Amino acid sequence: MLGWLVDRKINPHIPVLDKAGRTDGTWSRADFEWDAENNQYICPEGEPLKQFRRNYSDPNRGPTGKGVAKYQALKHTCQACQSKMKCCPNADARKITREEHEDARQVARDIAKTKQYAISMRLRKKVEMLFAHLKRILGLGRLRLRGPCGANDEFLLAATAQNLRKLAKIFPAPQQTRKA
């Protein structure tokens, strides 16, 4: 979806679910440099992580076709590296996966750091809360009337009820004083 939006020059104000961060102190994917020209990652020590090291005649051994590319360093390079404990302490060689639309995901990550993104998330929360209120409090989890016209009538009544509640909070009824 992010790729579709970015291809059409639409700024995606969508949070990216990213599991690339590491909590154990080892290098994450962000520490590796992407070389788009050669289709490889470059580790902080300058070694390449390639997807394929040879051409495969058997199509089953080539790309997975699942939208994820796997990049791996050479085992003997990682074993001799002085930064192995910061990179891959529990593996023979470092492996990194890259999504098919990783460039679009990076655009969304960059947008998430802007002030406009924070504003849009606040506004989105307001709208989502209205729908949650319709579903949970006003009982619109299931519609009772049939057809598009019935659904339209139910939603109009529910939206009217929401707007009346808002107005009641904005303009409270005047308090009457009791005479003793």
Protein backbone atom coordinates (compact mmCIF):
# COMPACT_ATOMS: atom_id res chain seq x y z
CA MET A 1 0.00 0.00 0.00
CA LEU A 2 2.84 2.40 0.81
CA GLY A 3 4.41 1.68 -2.58
CA TRP A 4 1.13 2.44 -4.35
CA LEU A 5 0.76 5.76 -2.51
CA VAL A 6 4.34 6.89 -3.10
CA ASP A 7 4.18 5.94 -6.81
CA ARG A 8 1.20 8.31 -7.16
CA LYS A 9 3.01 11.14 -5.33
CA ILE A 10 0.76 10.90 -2.26
CA ASN A 11 2.43 11.52 1.10
CA PRO A 12 1.65 8.49 3.28
CA HIS A 13 0.82 9.59 6.81
CA ILE A 14 0.82 5.96 7.89
CA PRO A 15 2.94 4.48 10.67
CA VAL A 16 5.44 1.89 9.42
CA LEU A 17 5.52 -1.35 11.40
CA ASP A 18 9.24 -1.97 11.60
CA LYS A 19 10.93 -4.79 13.48
CA ALA A 20 14.44 -3.90 12.27
CA GLY A 21 15.49 -2.22 15.52
CA ARG A 22 17.57 -4.21 17.96
CA THR A 23 17.48 -4.07 21.74
CA ASP A 24 20.61 -6.11 22.48
CA GLY A 25 23.09 -3.40 21.45
CA THR A 26 24.09 -4.98 18.14
CA TRP A 27 23.96 -3.11 14.85
CA SER A 28 20.53 -2.69 13.29
CA ARG A 29 19.69 -2.45 9.59
CA ALA A 30 19.93 1.35 9.83
CA ASP A 31 23.67 1.03 10.55
CA PHE A 32 24.19 -0.63 7.16
CA GLU A 33 24.36 1.54 4.04
CA TRP A 34 22.13 0.63 1.07
CA ASP A 35 23.88 0.66 -2.31
CA ALA A 36 21.02 0.73 -4.84
CA GLU A 37 23.33 0.78 -7.85
CA ASN A 38 24.88 -2.58 -6.96
CA ASN A 39 21.82 -4.00 -5.14
CA GLN A 40 23.70 -4.65 -1.91
CA TYR A 41 24.17 -3.43 1.66
CA ILE A 42 27.54 -2.21 2.89
CA CYS A 43 28.37 -3.00 6.51
CA PRO A 44 30.01 -0.36 8.75
CA GLU A 45 33.33 -2.15 8.22
CA GLY A 46 33.01 -1.75 4.43
CA GLU A 47 32.11 -5.33 3.48
CA PRO A 48 29.22 -6.02 1.06
CA LEU A 49 26.12 -8.04 1.90
CA LYS A 50 24.80 -9.41 -1.38
CA GLN A 51 21.57 -11.09 -2.28
CA PHE A 52 23.08 -13.49 -4.81
CA ARG A 53 26.71 -14.36 -5.41
CA ARG A 54 26.06 -16.28 -8.63
CA ASN A 55 23.42 -16.71 -11.32
CA TYR A 56 21.04 -19.60 -10.77
CA SER A 57 19.81 -21.75 -13.63
CA ASP A 58 17.24 -23.35 -11.31
CA PRO A 59 14.42 -20.79 -10.72
CA ASN A 60 13.58 -22.37 -7.36
CA ARG A 61 16.94 -21.30 -5.92
CA GLY A 62 16.67 -17.67 -7.06
CA PRO A 63 14.46 -14.85 -5.75
CA THR A 64 11.67 -15.90 -3.40
CA GLY A 65 8.98 -13.79 -5.13
CA LYS A 66 7.39 -13.00 -1.75
CA GLY A 67 8.37 -9.33 -1.73
CA VAL A 68 11.35 -9.83 0.58
CA ALA A 69 14.99 -9.97 -0.49
CA LYS A 70 17.62 -11.54 1.78
CA TYR A 71 21.15 -10.16 1.85
CA GLN A 72 24.05 -12.01 3.48
CA ALA A 73 27.73 -11.43 4.08
CA LEU A 74 30.33 -14.10 3.47
CA LYS A 75 30.92 -16.38 6.45
CA HIS A 76 34.72 -16.19 6.37
CA THR A 77 34.56 -12.38 6.17
CA CYS A 78 32.33 -12.13 9.24
CA GLN A 79 34.39 -14.65 11.21
CA ALA A 80 37.57 -12.60 10.66
CA CYS A 81 35.91 -9.22 11.33
CA GLN A 82 36.94 -7.28 14.43
CA SER A 83 33.37 -5.97 14.94
CA LYS A 84 31.67 -9.39 14.90
CA MET A 85 30.42 -9.02 18.49
CA LYS A 86 28.67 -5.74 17.59
CA CYS A 87 27.26 -7.15 14.36
CA CYS A 88 26.29 -10.81 14.67
CA PRO A 89 27.52 -12.40 17.92
CA ASN A 90 25.22 -15.45 17.69
CA ALA A 91 25.43 -16.15 13.94
CA ASP A 92 28.13 -17.18 11.50
CA ALA A 93 27.39 -14.30 9.12
CA ARG A 94 25.17 -11.22 9.11
CA LYS A 95 21.86 -11.42 7.25
CA ILE A 96 19.55 -8.52 6.43
CA THR A 97 16.14 -8.62 4.79
CA ARG A 98 14.78 -5.85 2.57
CA GLU A 99 11.12 -5.37 1.69
CA GLU A 100 10.10 -4.97 -1.94
CA HIS A 101 8.85 -1.43 -1.28
CA GLU A 102 11.58 -0.43 1.18
CA ASP A 103 12.06 2.93 -0.55
CA ALA A 104 8.38 3.76 0.03
CA ARG A 105 8.68 2.60 3.65
CA GLN A 106 11.64 4.97 4.08
CA VAL A 107 9.57 7.85 2.67
CA ALA A 108 6.88 7.06 5.27
CA ARG A 109 9.52 6.91 8.05
CA ASP A 110 10.87 10.31 7.00
CA ILE A 111 7.35 11.81 6.94
CA ALA A 112 6.75 10.40 10.44
CA LYS A 113 9.47 12.73 11.75
CA THR A 114 7.68 15.90 10.58
CA LYS A 115 5.39 18.27 12.46
CA GLN A 116 2.57 17.72 9.94
CA TYR A 117 2.60 13.99 10.73
CA ALA A 118 2.07 14.68 14.43
CA ILE A 119 -0.87 16.95 13.58
CA SER A 120 -2.43 14.35 11.27
CA MET A 121 -2.08 11.64 13.94
CA ARG A 122 -3.88 13.87 16.46
CA LEU A 123 -6.69 14.53 13.97
CA ARG A 124 -6.89 10.84 13.06
CA LYS A 125 -7.29 9.94 16.70
CA LYS A 126 -10.26 12.31 17.01
CA VAL A 127 -12.00 10.71 14.03
CA GLU A 128 -11.26 7.17 15.18
CA MET A 129 -12.67 7.96 18.61
CA LEU A 130 -15.94 9.09 17.01
CA PHE A 131 -16.25 5.79 15.15
CA ALA A 132 -15.39 3.84 18.30
CA HIS A 133 -18.09 5.76 20.16
CA LEU A 134 -20.61 4.95 17.41
CA LYS A 135 -19.76 1.28 17.64
CA ARG A 136 -19.49 0.79 21.39
CA ILE A 137 -21.80 3.36 23.00
CA LEU A 138 -24.45 3.96 20.34
CA GLY A 139 -24.61 0.28 19.34
CA LEU A 140 -23.64 0.49 15.67
CA GLY A 141 -21.58 -2.69 15.79
CA ARG A 142 -24.42 -4.20 13.75
CA LEU A 143 -26.96 -2.40 11.62
CA ARG A 144 -30.62 -3.11 12.21
CA LEU A 145 -32.07 -1.71 8.98
CA ARG A 146 -31.47 -3.41 5.65
CA GLY A 147 -29.99 -2.05 2.45
CA PRO A 148 -27.93 1.04 1.70
CA CYS A 149 -30.82 3.39 2.47
CA GLY A 150 -31.37 1.77 5.87
CA ALA A 151 -27.64 1.98 6.68
CA ASN A 152 -27.64 5.62 5.60
CA ASP A 153 -30.62 6.37 7.87
CA GLU A 154 -28.98 4.66 10.86
CA PHE A 155 -25.69 6.49 10.38
CA LEU A 156 -27.44 9.84 10.00
CA LEU A 157 -29.36 9.28 13.23
CA ALA A 158 -26.22 8.18 15.06
CA ALA A 159 -24.22 11.18 13.75
CA THR A 160 -27.07 13.47 14.81
CA ALA A 161 -26.97 11.97 18.30
CA GLN A 162 -23.20 12.53 18.45
CA ASN A 163 -23.54 16.14 17.33
CA LEU A 164 -26.28 16.78 19.91
CA ARG A 165 -24.02 15.38 22.65
CA LYS A 166 -21.23 17.72 21.52
CA LEU A 167 -23.58 20.71 21.52
CA ALA A 168 -24.82 19.80 24.99
CA LYS A 169 -21.24 19.85 26.26
CA ILE A 170 -20.44 23.15 24.56
CA PHE A 171 -23.64 24.95 25.62
CA PRO A 172 -24.76 23.52 28.95
CA ALA A 173 -28.34 24.10 30.02
CA PRO A 174 -28.81 27.09 32.33
CA GLN A 175 -29.13 26.16 35.96
CA GLN A 176 -32.37 27.10 37.64
CA THR A 177 -32.20 28.36 41.19
CA ARG A 178 -34.64 26.98 43.72
CA LYS A 179 -36.64 29.40 45.79
CA ALA A 180 -36.92 28.47 49.41
